[in-house]
Amino acid sequence: MNIPNILTLARIVFIPLLVVLFYLPFEWSMPAAAAFFALAAVTDWLDGYLARRWNQSTPFGAFLDPVADKLMVAVALALLIERFDTWALTLPALVIIGREIVISALREWMAEMGKRGAVAVSWVGKLKTTLQMIAILILLGFPTGHLMATLGILTLYSAALLTLWSMMQYLKAAWPHLRRSM
C-alpha cells in the first residue's frame, strides 16, 4: 500500500461523508459538501501525479482510481438530480453516468482482449472530467435558482457534450475489435 493508493481509497471513504454533508439541515452544509467534493477532486489529481512522480503506479491503483472517480461523480450527480428535481439537470447527469458505465465496460472488455491501449484516455476525456468536476462543485455549493447554479447546469451540459464526443472516440477506436468479436 502506497500513498497514491491510500488517497484513492480515501476518495471512496469520502462518498458517505459527502452524502451526510449534503443532507445536513444547516446553512453551511451546501458549501461544506462542495468543499468536500473539491477535496476529493484534488485527491483524484494528486494520487495520479504522485504515482507517476514517485514511480508508484500499481495494478491495484490503476483499477481502483477510475472506480473511485466514477463512484464519487455518480453519487454527487444522483444527489444533485434529487436536489434540482428537473429534467434540465437530470438529462446531462444521466448522459454522464450512462457514458461512464458504457466506457468502463468497454475498457474491461478491451483489456480482456489485450487491447486496453486502444481505449486510452484522450484530451477530450480529460477536459470532460475537468468540466464535470467544476459543474458538480458549483452545483453542490449553490441552491437551485441561484445564478451560479444556472452556470453549473450550463457547465454540466458542456461536460455532457464532451462526454458524448469522447464516448464516440472510444467506440470508434474499439469498433474494429468489437466487429471482429461479433
N, C-alpha and C. Protein backbone atom coordinates (compact mmCIF):
# COMPACT_ATOMS: atom_id res chain seq x y z
N MET A 1 0.86 -1.18 0.00
CA MET A 1 0.00 0.00 0.00
C MET A 1 0.90 1.24 0.00
N ASN A 2 0.65 2.13 -0.95
CA ASN A 2 1.45 3.35 -1.04
C ASN A 2 0.53 4.57 -0.91
N ILE A 3 1.13 5.76 -0.85
CA ILE A 3 0.35 6.99 -0.64
C ILE A 3 -0.66 7.23 -1.76
N PRO A 4 -0.28 7.07 -3.05
CA PRO A 4 -1.30 7.25 -4.09
C PRO A 4 -2.52 6.32 -3.91
N ASN A 5 -2.29 5.07 -3.55
CA ASN A 5 -3.41 4.15 -3.34
C ASN A 5 -4.23 4.53 -2.11
N ILE A 6 -3.57 5.03 -1.09
CA ILE A 6 -4.29 5.48 0.12
C ILE A 6 -5.19 6.67 -0.24
N LEU A 7 -4.68 7.59 -1.06
CA LEU A 7 -5.50 8.73 -1.49
C LEU A 7 -6.71 8.26 -2.30
N THR A 8 -6.51 7.25 -3.14
CA THR A 8 -7.62 6.71 -3.92
C THR A 8 -8.66 6.07 -3.00
N LEU A 9 -8.22 5.28 -2.05
CA LEU A 9 -9.14 4.67 -1.09
C LEU A 9 -9.87 5.74 -0.27
N ALA A 10 -9.16 6.82 0.05
CA ALA A 10 -9.79 7.90 0.81
C ALA A 10 -10.96 8.48 0.04
N ARG A 11 -10.84 8.57 -1.29
CA ARG A 11 -11.94 9.09 -2.10
C ARG A 11 -13.19 8.22 -1.96
N ILE A 12 -13.01 6.93 -1.85
CA ILE A 12 -14.16 6.04 -1.67
C ILE A 12 -14.77 6.24 -0.28
N VAL A 13 -13.92 6.41 0.73
CA VAL A 13 -14.40 6.65 2.09
C VAL A 13 -15.12 8.00 2.16
N PHE A 14 -14.71 8.96 1.33
CA PHE A 14 -15.33 10.28 1.31
C PHE A 14 -16.80 10.23 0.86
N ILE A 15 -17.18 9.23 0.10
CA ILE A 15 -18.52 9.20 -0.50
C ILE A 15 -19.63 9.27 0.55
N PRO A 16 -19.65 8.39 1.56
CA PRO A 16 -20.72 8.53 2.55
C PRO A 16 -20.64 9.84 3.32
N LEU A 17 -19.44 10.36 3.51
CA LEU A 17 -19.31 11.64 4.20
C LEU A 17 -19.88 12.77 3.35
N LEU A 18 -19.70 12.71 2.05
CA LEU A 18 -20.30 13.69 1.15
C LEU A 18 -21.82 13.65 1.26
N VAL A 19 -22.37 12.44 1.29
CA VAL A 19 -23.83 12.28 1.39
C VAL A 19 -24.33 12.88 2.70
N VAL A 20 -23.65 12.59 3.79
CA VAL A 20 -24.05 13.14 5.10
C VAL A 20 -24.01 14.66 5.07
N LEU A 21 -22.91 15.22 4.57
CA LEU A 21 -22.81 16.69 4.49
C LEU A 21 -23.93 17.28 3.64
N PHE A 22 -24.23 16.62 2.55
CA PHE A 22 -25.26 17.09 1.62
C PHE A 22 -26.62 17.22 2.31
N TYR A 23 -26.94 16.27 3.17
CA TYR A 23 -28.26 16.23 3.80
C TYR A 23 -28.34 16.92 5.16
N LEU A 24 -27.23 17.40 5.69
CA LEU A 24 -27.30 18.08 6.98
C LEU A 24 -28.22 19.31 6.87
N PRO A 25 -29.05 19.56 7.88
CA PRO A 25 -30.01 20.66 7.81
C PRO A 25 -29.44 22.00 8.29
N PHE A 26 -28.24 22.31 7.83
CA PHE A 26 -27.61 23.56 8.24
C PHE A 26 -27.30 24.41 7.01
N GLU A 27 -27.22 25.71 7.23
CA GLU A 27 -26.92 26.63 6.13
C GLU A 27 -25.57 26.34 5.49
N TRP A 28 -24.64 25.89 6.29
CA TRP A 28 -23.28 25.67 5.81
C TRP A 28 -23.10 24.31 5.13
N SER A 29 -24.14 23.48 5.08
CA SER A 29 -23.96 22.13 4.53
C SER A 29 -23.66 22.13 3.03
N MET A 30 -24.27 23.04 2.26
CA MET A 30 -24.01 23.07 0.81
C MET A 30 -22.56 23.47 0.51
N PRO A 31 -22.06 24.58 1.09
CA PRO A 31 -20.66 24.90 0.82
C PRO A 31 -19.70 23.83 1.38
N ALA A 32 -20.09 23.21 2.49
CA ALA A 32 -19.23 22.16 3.05
C ALA A 32 -19.19 20.95 2.12
N ALA A 33 -20.35 20.56 1.57
CA ALA A 33 -20.38 19.44 0.62
C ALA A 33 -19.56 19.79 -0.62
N ALA A 34 -19.67 21.02 -1.10
CA ALA A 34 -18.88 21.45 -2.26
C ALA A 34 -17.39 21.41 -1.94
N ALA A 35 -17.00 21.89 -0.78
CA ALA A 35 -15.59 21.87 -0.38
C ALA A 35 -15.08 20.44 -0.26
N PHE A 36 -15.90 19.58 0.27
CA PHE A 36 -15.52 18.17 0.42
C PHE A 36 -15.34 17.52 -0.95
N PHE A 37 -16.25 17.84 -1.88
CA PHE A 37 -16.11 17.33 -3.24
C PHE A 37 -14.84 17.87 -3.88
N ALA A 38 -14.53 19.14 -3.64
CA ALA A 38 -13.30 19.73 -4.18
C ALA A 38 -12.08 18.99 -3.64
N LEU A 39 -12.10 18.65 -2.36
CA LEU A 39 -11.01 17.89 -1.76
C LEU A 39 -10.86 16.53 -2.45
N ALA A 40 -11.98 15.88 -2.71
CA ALA A 40 -11.94 14.59 -3.40
C ALA A 40 -11.38 14.75 -4.81
N ALA A 41 -11.76 15.83 -5.50
CA ALA A 41 -11.25 16.07 -6.86
C ALA A 41 -9.75 16.31 -6.83
N VAL A 42 -9.27 17.01 -5.82
CA VAL A 42 -7.82 17.24 -5.69
C VAL A 42 -7.10 15.92 -5.44
N THR A 43 -7.68 15.05 -4.60
CA THR A 43 -7.01 13.75 -4.37
C THR A 43 -6.98 12.92 -5.65
N ASP A 44 -8.00 13.09 -6.51
CA ASP A 44 -8.01 12.38 -7.79
C ASP A 44 -6.81 12.80 -8.63
N TRP A 45 -6.55 14.10 -8.69
CA TRP A 45 -5.39 14.58 -9.44
C TRP A 45 -4.10 14.18 -8.72
N LEU A 46 -4.06 14.36 -7.39
CA LEU A 46 -2.84 14.14 -6.62
C LEU A 46 -2.39 12.69 -6.64
N ASP A 47 -3.32 11.74 -6.53
CA ASP A 47 -2.89 10.33 -6.49
C ASP A 47 -2.22 9.94 -7.81
N GLY A 48 -2.77 10.41 -8.93
CA GLY A 48 -2.14 10.11 -10.22
C GLY A 48 -0.79 10.78 -10.37
N TYR A 49 -0.71 12.04 -9.95
CA TYR A 49 0.54 12.79 -10.03
C TYR A 49 1.63 12.10 -9.20
N LEU A 50 1.30 11.76 -7.95
CA LEU A 50 2.28 11.12 -7.07
C LEU A 50 2.68 9.73 -7.57
N ALA A 51 1.72 8.98 -8.07
CA ALA A 51 2.03 7.64 -8.59
C ALA A 51 3.05 7.73 -9.73
N ARG A 52 2.85 8.71 -10.63
CA ARG A 52 3.80 8.88 -11.74
C ARG A 52 5.13 9.45 -11.25
N ARG A 53 5.05 10.47 -10.42
CA ARG A 53 6.25 11.16 -9.94
C ARG A 53 7.15 10.24 -9.12
N TRP A 54 6.54 9.45 -8.24
CA TRP A 54 7.30 8.55 -7.37
C TRP A 54 7.43 7.14 -7.94
N ASN A 55 6.98 6.96 -9.16
CA ASN A 55 7.02 5.64 -9.81
C ASN A 55 6.35 4.58 -8.93
N GLN A 56 5.16 4.91 -8.45
CA GLN A 56 4.42 4.00 -7.56
C GLN A 56 3.11 3.54 -8.18
N SER A 57 3.05 3.52 -9.50
CA SER A 57 1.85 3.00 -10.16
C SER A 57 1.76 1.51 -9.90
N THR A 58 0.55 1.06 -9.57
CA THR A 58 0.32 -0.36 -9.30
C THR A 58 -0.92 -0.81 -10.07
N PRO A 59 -1.02 -2.10 -10.37
CA PRO A 59 -2.25 -2.59 -11.00
C PRO A 59 -3.48 -2.31 -10.15
N PHE A 60 -3.34 -2.43 -8.82
CA PHE A 60 -4.46 -2.13 -7.92
C PHE A 60 -4.88 -0.67 -8.06
N GLY A 61 -3.92 0.24 -8.07
CA GLY A 61 -4.21 1.66 -8.22
C GLY A 61 -4.83 1.97 -9.57
N ALA A 62 -4.32 1.32 -10.63
CA ALA A 62 -4.86 1.54 -11.98
C ALA A 62 -6.31 1.06 -12.05
N PHE A 63 -6.65 0.03 -11.31
CA PHE A 63 -8.02 -0.46 -11.26
C PHE A 63 -8.90 0.45 -10.40
N LEU A 64 -8.40 0.78 -9.20
CA LEU A 64 -9.23 1.46 -8.21
C LEU A 64 -9.45 2.94 -8.51
N ASP A 65 -8.48 3.62 -9.10
CA ASP A 65 -8.60 5.06 -9.34
C ASP A 65 -9.84 5.40 -10.18
N PRO A 66 -10.05 4.78 -11.35
CA PRO A 66 -11.25 5.14 -12.10
C PRO A 66 -12.54 4.72 -11.40
N VAL A 67 -12.49 3.64 -10.62
CA VAL A 67 -13.68 3.22 -9.88
C VAL A 67 -14.03 4.28 -8.84
N ALA A 68 -13.04 4.74 -8.09
CA ALA A 68 -13.28 5.77 -7.07
C ALA A 68 -13.82 7.04 -7.70
N ASP A 69 -13.24 7.43 -8.82
CA ASP A 69 -13.67 8.64 -9.52
C ASP A 69 -15.12 8.52 -9.97
N LYS A 70 -15.45 7.42 -10.61
CA LYS A 70 -16.79 7.22 -11.14
C LYS A 70 -17.83 7.12 -10.02
N LEU A 71 -17.48 6.46 -8.92
CA LEU A 71 -18.39 6.37 -7.78
C LEU A 71 -18.68 7.75 -7.20
N MET A 72 -17.63 8.54 -7.00
CA MET A 72 -17.80 9.87 -6.43
C MET A 72 -18.66 10.74 -7.34
N VAL A 73 -18.39 10.72 -8.63
CA VAL A 73 -19.15 11.53 -9.58
C VAL A 73 -20.60 11.05 -9.66
N ALA A 74 -20.82 9.75 -9.75
CA ALA A 74 -22.18 9.22 -9.86
C ALA A 74 -23.01 9.55 -8.63
N VAL A 75 -22.42 9.42 -7.44
CA VAL A 75 -23.16 9.73 -6.21
C VAL A 75 -23.46 11.23 -6.16
N ALA A 76 -22.48 12.06 -6.48
CA ALA A 76 -22.72 13.51 -6.46
C ALA A 76 -23.81 13.90 -7.46
N LEU A 77 -23.77 13.32 -8.65
CA LEU A 77 -24.81 13.63 -9.65
C LEU A 77 -26.18 13.14 -9.19
N ALA A 78 -26.23 11.98 -8.55
CA ALA A 78 -27.51 11.47 -8.03
C ALA A 78 -28.07 12.42 -6.97
N LEU A 79 -27.21 12.92 -6.10
CA LEU A 79 -27.65 13.88 -5.09
C LEU A 79 -28.19 15.16 -5.75
N LEU A 80 -27.50 15.61 -6.78
CA LEU A 80 -27.92 16.83 -7.47
C LEU A 80 -29.22 16.63 -8.24
N ILE A 81 -29.41 15.44 -8.81
CA ILE A 81 -30.67 15.15 -9.50
C ILE A 81 -31.83 15.30 -8.52
N GLU A 82 -31.64 14.79 -7.31
CA GLU A 82 -32.70 14.92 -6.31
C GLU A 82 -32.92 16.38 -5.91
N ARG A 83 -31.84 17.09 -5.65
CA ARG A 83 -31.97 18.49 -5.19
C ARG A 83 -32.64 19.37 -6.24
N PHE A 84 -32.19 19.27 -7.48
CA PHE A 84 -32.70 20.17 -8.52
C PHE A 84 -34.05 19.71 -9.06
N ASP A 85 -34.29 18.41 -9.05
CA ASP A 85 -35.60 17.85 -9.42
C ASP A 85 -36.14 18.44 -10.72
N THR A 86 -35.30 18.45 -11.75
CA THR A 86 -35.71 18.96 -13.05
C THR A 86 -34.99 18.20 -14.15
N TRP A 87 -35.69 18.07 -15.28
CA TRP A 87 -35.09 17.38 -16.41
C TRP A 87 -33.84 18.11 -16.90
N ALA A 88 -33.78 19.43 -16.68
CA ALA A 88 -32.65 20.22 -17.17
C ALA A 88 -31.33 19.78 -16.55
N LEU A 89 -31.35 19.28 -15.34
CA LEU A 89 -30.14 18.74 -14.73
C LEU A 89 -30.08 17.22 -14.89
N THR A 90 -31.23 16.57 -14.82
CA THR A 90 -31.26 15.11 -14.91
C THR A 90 -30.70 14.60 -16.23
N LEU A 91 -31.05 15.25 -17.33
CA LEU A 91 -30.61 14.79 -18.65
C LEU A 91 -29.09 14.74 -18.78
N PRO A 92 -28.36 15.84 -18.54
CA PRO A 92 -26.90 15.73 -18.68
C PRO A 92 -26.28 14.80 -17.63
N ALA A 93 -26.87 14.76 -16.43
CA ALA A 93 -26.33 13.88 -15.39
C ALA A 93 -26.44 12.42 -15.82
N LEU A 94 -27.58 12.04 -16.38
CA LEU A 94 -27.76 10.65 -16.82
C LEU A 94 -26.89 10.32 -18.03
N VAL A 95 -26.67 11.28 -18.90
CA VAL A 95 -25.76 11.06 -20.03
C VAL A 95 -24.36 10.76 -19.49
N ILE A 96 -23.92 11.54 -18.52
CA ILE A 96 -22.58 11.34 -17.95
C ILE A 96 -22.49 9.99 -17.25
N ILE A 97 -23.47 9.66 -16.42
CA ILE A 97 -23.44 8.38 -15.70
C ILE A 97 -23.51 7.21 -16.68
N GLY A 98 -24.39 7.30 -17.68
CA GLY A 98 -24.52 6.23 -18.67
C GLY A 98 -23.24 6.03 -19.45
N ARG A 99 -22.60 7.11 -19.85
CA ARG A 99 -21.34 7.02 -20.59
C ARG A 99 -20.27 6.32 -19.74
N GLU A 100 -20.21 6.67 -18.46
CA GLU A 100 -19.20 6.06 -17.59
C GLU A 100 -19.40 4.55 -17.51
N ILE A 101 -20.64 4.11 -17.46
CA ILE A 101 -20.91 2.67 -17.42
C ILE A 101 -20.48 2.01 -18.72
N VAL A 102 -20.86 2.61 -19.84
CA VAL A 102 -20.51 2.04 -21.16
C VAL A 102 -19.00 1.98 -21.35
N ILE A 103 -18.31 3.07 -21.05
CA ILE A 103 -16.86 3.10 -21.27
C ILE A 103 -16.13 2.18 -20.30
N SER A 104 -16.60 2.09 -19.07
CA SER A 104 -15.98 1.15 -18.12
C SER A 104 -16.10 -0.28 -18.63
N ALA A 105 -17.29 -0.63 -19.10
CA ALA A 105 -17.49 -1.98 -19.65
C ALA A 105 -16.62 -2.19 -20.89
N LEU A 106 -16.54 -1.18 -21.74
CA LEU A 106 -15.72 -1.29 -22.95
C LEU A 106 -14.25 -1.46 -22.60
N ARG A 107 -13.76 -0.69 -21.65
CA ARG A 107 -12.35 -0.83 -21.24
C ARG A 107 -12.07 -2.21 -20.66
N GLU A 108 -13.00 -2.71 -19.85
CA GLU A 108 -12.84 -4.05 -19.27
C GLU A 108 -12.79 -5.10 -20.38
N TRP A 109 -13.69 -4.99 -21.33
CA TRP A 109 -13.74 -5.95 -22.42
C TRP A 109 -12.48 -5.87 -23.27
N MET A 110 -12.04 -4.65 -23.57
CA MET A 110 -10.83 -4.47 -24.37
C MET A 110 -9.60 -4.99 -23.63
N ALA A 111 -9.57 -4.82 -22.31
CA ALA A 111 -8.45 -5.33 -21.51
C ALA A 111 -8.40 -6.85 -21.58
N GLU A 112 -9.57 -7.49 -21.54
CA GLU A 112 -9.62 -8.94 -21.65
C GLU A 112 -9.08 -9.42 -23.00
N MET A 113 -9.23 -8.58 -24.01
CA MET A 113 -8.73 -8.92 -25.34
C MET A 113 -7.27 -8.50 -25.53
N GLY A 114 -6.68 -7.91 -24.50
CA GLY A 114 -5.31 -7.43 -24.60
C GLY A 114 -5.17 -6.16 -25.42
N LYS A 115 -6.24 -5.39 -25.53
CA LYS A 115 -6.25 -4.19 -26.36
C LYS A 115 -6.62 -2.95 -25.55
N ARG A 116 -6.31 -2.92 -24.28
CA ARG A 116 -6.69 -1.80 -23.42
C ARG A 116 -6.16 -0.47 -23.95
N GLY A 117 -4.99 -0.47 -24.54
CA GLY A 117 -4.39 0.75 -25.07
C GLY A 117 -5.22 1.38 -26.18
N ALA A 118 -6.07 0.61 -26.82
CA ALA A 118 -6.91 1.14 -27.91
C ALA A 118 -7.97 2.10 -27.37
N VAL A 119 -8.26 2.04 -26.08
CA VAL A 119 -9.25 2.93 -25.48
C VAL A 119 -8.63 3.74 -24.33
N ALA A 120 -7.44 4.26 -24.58
CA ALA A 120 -6.75 5.07 -23.59
C ALA A 120 -7.44 6.43 -23.45
N VAL A 121 -7.23 7.07 -22.31
CA VAL A 121 -7.83 8.36 -22.03
C VAL A 121 -7.27 9.40 -23.01
N SER A 122 -8.17 10.21 -23.57
CA SER A 122 -7.78 11.25 -24.53
C SER A 122 -7.88 12.62 -23.88
N TRP A 123 -7.42 13.64 -24.59
CA TRP A 123 -7.52 15.00 -24.06
C TRP A 123 -8.98 15.42 -23.92
N VAL A 124 -9.85 14.90 -24.80
CA VAL A 124 -11.28 15.22 -24.69
C VAL A 124 -11.83 14.66 -23.38
N GLY A 125 -11.41 13.45 -23.04
CA GLY A 125 -11.83 12.84 -21.77
C GLY A 125 -11.34 13.62 -20.57
N LYS A 126 -10.12 14.13 -20.65
CA LYS A 126 -9.58 14.92 -19.53
C LYS A 126 -10.32 16.25 -19.40
N LEU A 127 -10.62 16.89 -20.52
CA LEU A 127 -11.38 18.13 -20.49
C LEU A 127 -12.79 17.89 -19.97
N LYS A 128 -13.39 16.78 -20.40
CA LYS A 128 -14.73 16.40 -19.91
C LYS A 128 -14.71 16.23 -18.40
N THR A 129 -13.71 15.55 -17.89
CA THR A 129 -13.61 15.33 -16.45
C THR A 129 -13.45 16.65 -15.72
N THR A 130 -12.62 17.53 -16.24
CA THR A 130 -12.42 18.83 -15.60
C THR A 130 -13.72 19.62 -15.55
N LEU A 131 -14.44 19.69 -16.67
CA LEU A 131 -15.70 20.44 -16.70
C LEU A 131 -16.75 19.81 -15.79
N GLN A 132 -16.80 18.48 -15.75
CA GLN A 132 -17.81 17.85 -14.90
C GLN A 132 -17.49 18.08 -13.43
N MET A 133 -16.22 18.08 -13.05
CA MET A 133 -15.85 18.35 -11.66
C MET A 133 -16.20 19.78 -11.29
N ILE A 134 -15.93 20.74 -12.20
CA ILE A 134 -16.28 22.13 -11.94
C ILE A 134 -17.79 22.29 -11.81
N ALA A 135 -18.54 21.67 -12.72
CA ALA A 135 -20.00 21.76 -12.68
C ALA A 135 -20.55 21.20 -11.37
N ILE A 136 -20.08 20.03 -10.98
CA ILE A 136 -20.58 19.41 -9.75
C ILE A 136 -20.23 20.27 -8.54
N LEU A 137 -19.02 20.79 -8.52
CA LEU A 137 -18.59 21.66 -7.43
C LEU A 137 -19.52 22.88 -7.31
N ILE A 138 -19.80 23.53 -8.44
CA ILE A 138 -20.70 24.69 -8.43
C ILE A 138 -22.09 24.28 -7.97
N LEU A 139 -22.61 23.18 -8.53
CA LEU A 139 -23.98 22.77 -8.23
C LEU A 139 -24.15 22.32 -6.77
N LEU A 140 -23.10 21.73 -6.21
CA LEU A 140 -23.16 21.36 -4.79
C LEU A 140 -23.16 22.60 -3.91
N GLY A 141 -22.49 23.65 -4.34
CA GLY A 141 -22.30 24.82 -3.50
C GLY A 141 -23.40 25.86 -3.54
N PHE A 142 -24.26 25.79 -4.56
CA PHE A 142 -25.27 26.85 -4.71
C PHE A 142 -26.66 26.24 -4.86
N PRO A 143 -27.66 26.90 -4.28
CA PRO A 143 -29.03 26.36 -4.34
C PRO A 143 -29.65 26.54 -5.72
N THR A 144 -30.70 25.78 -5.96
CA THR A 144 -31.45 25.92 -7.21
C THR A 144 -31.94 27.36 -7.33
N GLY A 145 -31.96 27.85 -8.55
CA GLY A 145 -32.41 29.21 -8.79
C GLY A 145 -31.32 30.26 -8.69
N HIS A 146 -30.22 29.94 -8.06
CA HIS A 146 -29.10 30.89 -7.94
C HIS A 146 -28.41 31.00 -9.31
N LEU A 147 -27.93 32.19 -9.63
CA LEU A 147 -27.25 32.40 -10.91
C LEU A 147 -26.08 31.43 -11.09
N MET A 148 -25.34 31.18 -10.03
CA MET A 148 -24.22 30.24 -10.13
C MET A 148 -24.70 28.82 -10.42
N ALA A 149 -25.87 28.45 -9.91
CA ALA A 149 -26.42 27.12 -10.20
C ALA A 149 -26.75 27.01 -11.69
N THR A 150 -27.25 28.09 -12.27
CA THR A 150 -27.50 28.09 -13.72
C THR A 150 -26.20 27.92 -14.48
N LEU A 151 -25.15 28.60 -14.05
CA LEU A 151 -23.83 28.42 -14.66
C LEU A 151 -23.35 26.98 -14.50
N GLY A 152 -23.62 26.39 -13.34
CA GLY A 152 -23.25 25.00 -13.10
C GLY A 152 -23.95 24.05 -14.05
N ILE A 153 -25.24 24.30 -14.29
CA ILE A 153 -26.00 23.45 -15.22
C ILE A 153 -25.46 23.60 -16.64
N LEU A 154 -25.15 24.83 -17.05
CA LEU A 154 -24.57 25.05 -18.38
C LEU A 154 -23.22 24.35 -18.51
N THR A 155 -22.43 24.39 -17.46
CA THR A 155 -21.14 23.69 -17.46
C THR A 155 -21.35 22.19 -17.52
N LEU A 156 -22.38 21.70 -16.83
CA LEU A 156 -22.69 20.27 -16.88
C LEU A 156 -23.10 19.85 -18.29
N TYR A 157 -23.85 20.70 -18.99
CA TYR A 157 -24.20 20.41 -20.38
C TYR A 157 -22.95 20.36 -21.26
N SER A 158 -22.01 21.26 -21.03
CA SER A 158 -20.75 21.23 -21.77
C SER A 158 -20.01 19.92 -21.53
N ALA A 159 -19.99 19.51 -20.26
CA ALA A 159 -19.35 18.24 -19.91
C ALA A 159 -20.07 17.07 -20.57
N ALA A 160 -21.41 17.13 -20.60
CA ALA A 160 -22.19 16.04 -21.22
C ALA A 160 -21.91 15.95 -22.72
N LEU A 161 -21.79 17.09 -23.39
CA LEU A 161 -21.47 17.08 -24.82
C LEU A 161 -20.08 16.47 -25.06
N LEU A 162 -19.12 16.87 -24.23
CA LEU A 162 -17.78 16.27 -24.34
C LEU A 162 -17.81 14.78 -23.98
N THR A 163 -18.71 14.43 -23.07
CA THR A 163 -18.90 13.02 -22.69
C THR A 163 -19.30 12.20 -23.91
N LEU A 164 -20.28 12.72 -24.64
CA LEU A 164 -20.73 12.01 -25.85
C LEU A 164 -19.63 11.95 -26.90
N TRP A 165 -18.92 13.06 -27.07
CA TRP A 165 -17.83 13.12 -28.05
C TRP A 165 -16.74 12.09 -27.69
N SER A 166 -16.33 12.08 -26.43
CA SER A 166 -15.27 11.14 -26.04
C SER A 166 -15.76 9.70 -26.13
N MET A 167 -17.04 9.46 -25.83
CA MET A 167 -17.58 8.10 -25.96
C MET A 167 -17.51 7.65 -27.42
N MET A 168 -17.86 8.55 -28.32
CA MET A 168 -17.79 8.21 -29.75
C MET A 168 -16.35 7.92 -30.17
N GLN A 169 -15.39 8.67 -29.64
CA GLN A 169 -13.98 8.41 -29.93
C GLN A 169 -13.58 7.01 -29.45
N TYR A 170 -13.97 6.68 -28.23
CA TYR A 170 -13.64 5.36 -27.67
C TYR A 170 -14.29 4.25 -28.49
N LEU A 171 -15.56 4.43 -28.81
CA LEU A 171 -16.26 3.40 -29.59
C LEU A 171 -15.66 3.27 -31.00
N LYS A 172 -15.27 4.37 -31.60
CA LYS A 172 -14.63 4.33 -32.92
C LYS A 172 -13.30 3.57 -32.85
N ALA A 173 -12.52 3.85 -31.81
CA ALA A 173 -11.23 3.16 -31.65
C ALA A 173 -11.43 1.67 -31.39
N ALA A 174 -12.49 1.32 -30.67
CA ALA A 174 -12.72 -0.08 -30.33
C ALA A 174 -13.50 -0.83 -31.40
N TRP A 175 -14.15 -0.11 -32.32
CA TRP A 175 -15.05 -0.73 -33.28
C TRP A 175 -14.42 -1.88 -34.07
N PRO A 176 -13.20 -1.74 -34.60
CA PRO A 176 -12.62 -2.88 -35.33
C PRO A 176 -12.54 -4.15 -34.47
N HIS A 177 -12.20 -3.98 -33.21
CA HIS A 177 -12.11 -5.12 -32.31
C HIS A 177 -13.49 -5.67 -31.96
N LEU A 178 -14.43 -4.77 -31.76
CA LEU A 178 -15.81 -5.18 -31.48
C LEU A 178 -16.39 -5.95 -32.67
N ARG A 179 -16.17 -5.43 -33.87
CA ARG A 179 -16.74 -6.06 -35.06
C ARG A 179 -16.19 -7.47 -35.27
N ARG A 180 -14.89 -7.64 -35.02
CA ARG A 180 -14.29 -8.97 -35.17
C ARG A 180 -14.85 -9.97 -34.16
N SER A 181 -15.35 -9.49 -33.05
CA SER A 181 -15.83 -10.38 -31.99
C SER A 181 -17.31 -10.72 -32.11
N MET A 182 -18.00 -10.09 -33.04
CA MET A 182 -19.45 -10.32 -33.16
C MET A 182 -19.74 -11.65 -33.83
